[in-house]
């Protein structure tokens, strides 16, 4: 349980939210909530809380590093390739 969920449960600060979903998904959610001993509302709240906490925990990547993410996708680069590159660069 997160701090926000614990705070809301302790102080009863809950606001109603209506979600429209497929009937089968609703039944699946109710079954899963029952299995976990929680309400569907608790599970939805914990889901959104986890999304925001993951975003907070994720460190900022500097723009130059972010621009390089995925640049070698589809290319195979071995350690020997890298060592060869370093030898050529520094010789």
Protein backbone atom coordinates (compact mmCIF):
# COMPACT_ATOMS: atom_id res chain seq x y z
CA UNK A 1 0.00 0.00 0.00
CA UNK A 2 1.36 3.42 -0.94
CA UNK A 3 1.45 6.47 1.30
CA UNK A 4 -1.34 8.15 -0.65
CA UNK A 5 -3.59 5.07 -0.47
CA UNK A 6 -2.90 4.68 3.26
CA UNK A 7 -3.63 8.38 3.84
CA UNK A 8 -6.90 8.21 1.89
CA UNK A 9 -7.96 5.04 3.70
CA UNK A 10 -7.12 6.54 7.09
CA UNK A 11 -8.83 9.88 6.57
CA UNK A 12 -11.63 8.76 4.21
CA UNK A 13 -10.75 11.25 1.48
CA UNK A 14 -12.40 9.44 -1.41
CA UNK A 15 -14.19 10.92 -4.41
CA UNK A 16 -16.47 8.90 -6.65
CA UNK A 17 -15.23 8.08 -10.16
CA UNK A 18 -17.34 6.40 -12.83
CA UNK A 19 -15.53 4.23 -15.38
CA UNK A 20 -17.10 2.78 -18.49
CA UNK A 21 -15.63 -0.59 -19.47
CA UNK A 22 -16.51 -3.76 -21.30
CA UNK A 23 -18.69 -6.05 -19.14
CA UNK A 24 -16.18 -8.90 -19.41
CA UNK A 25 -13.36 -6.63 -18.20
CA UNK A 26 -15.52 -5.51 -15.27
CA UNK A 27 -16.15 -9.13 -14.27
CA UNK A 28 -12.43 -9.89 -14.55
CA UNK A 29 -11.62 -6.88 -12.37
CA UNK A 30 -14.17 -7.92 -9.74
CA UNK A 31 -12.86 -11.50 -9.70
CA UNK A 32 -9.27 -10.32 -9.35
CA UNK A 33 -10.18 -7.82 -6.64
CA UNK A 34 -11.99 -10.55 -4.71
CA UNK A 35 -9.00 -12.87 -5.08
CA UNK A 36 -6.73 -10.14 -3.66
CA UNK A 37 -9.14 -9.20 -0.88
CA UNK A 38 -9.54 -5.65 -2.22
CA UNK A 39 -12.17 -3.56 -3.91
CA UNK A 40 -11.97 -2.68 -7.59
CA UNK A 41 -11.67 0.95 -6.50
CA UNK A 42 -8.62 0.13 -4.37
CA UNK A 43 -6.99 -1.71 -7.27
CA UNK A 44 -7.66 1.18 -9.70
CA UNK A 45 -6.31 3.70 -7.18
CA UNK A 46 -3.18 1.63 -6.57
CA UNK A 47 -2.67 1.25 -10.33
CA UNK A 48 -2.69 5.02 -10.92
CA UNK A 49 -0.58 5.64 -7.84
CA UNK A 50 1.99 3.14 -9.14
CA UNK A 51 2.09 4.94 -12.50
CA UNK A 52 2.93 8.26 -10.91
CA UNK A 53 5.44 6.80 -8.43
CA UNK A 54 7.26 5.01 -11.26
CA UNK A 55 7.54 8.31 -13.09
CA UNK A 56 8.91 10.00 -9.95
CA UNK A 57 11.45 7.23 -9.36
CA UNK A 58 12.73 7.31 -12.94
CA UNK A 59 15.86 9.47 -13.14
CA UNK A 60 16.00 12.22 -15.74
CA UNK A 61 18.12 11.32 -18.75
CA UNK A 62 20.20 14.21 -20.10
CA UNK A 63 19.03 15.32 -23.58
CA UNK A 64 22.25 14.23 -25.29
CA UNK A 65 21.92 10.73 -23.80
CA UNK A 66 18.22 10.57 -24.64
CA UNK A 67 19.04 11.36 -28.27
CA UNK A 68 21.28 8.27 -28.41
CA UNK A 69 18.73 5.81 -27.00
CA UNK A 70 18.04 3.12 -29.59
CA UNK A 71 20.63 4.38 -32.07
CA UNK A 72 22.22 0.90 -32.35
CA UNK A 73 18.93 -0.98 -32.53
CA UNK A 74 19.26 -3.76 -35.08
CA UNK A 75 23.08 -3.60 -35.08
CA UNK A 76 25.29 -6.18 -33.44
CA UNK A 77 28.29 -4.67 -31.70
CA UNK A 78 30.63 -7.01 -29.88
CA UNK A 79 33.20 -6.24 -27.23
CA UNK A 80 35.96 -6.90 -29.79
CA UNK A 81 34.37 -4.32 -32.12
CA UNK A 82 34.41 -1.80 -29.30
CA UNK A 83 38.03 -2.58 -28.40
CA UNK A 84 39.04 -2.20 -32.07
CA UNK A 85 37.26 1.17 -32.17
CA UNK A 86 39.14 2.33 -29.06
CA UNK A 87 42.52 1.19 -30.44
CA UNK A 88 41.90 3.08 -33.68
CA UNK A 89 40.63 6.14 -31.86
CA UNK A 90 43.57 6.36 -29.46
CA UNK A 91 46.44 5.35 -31.73
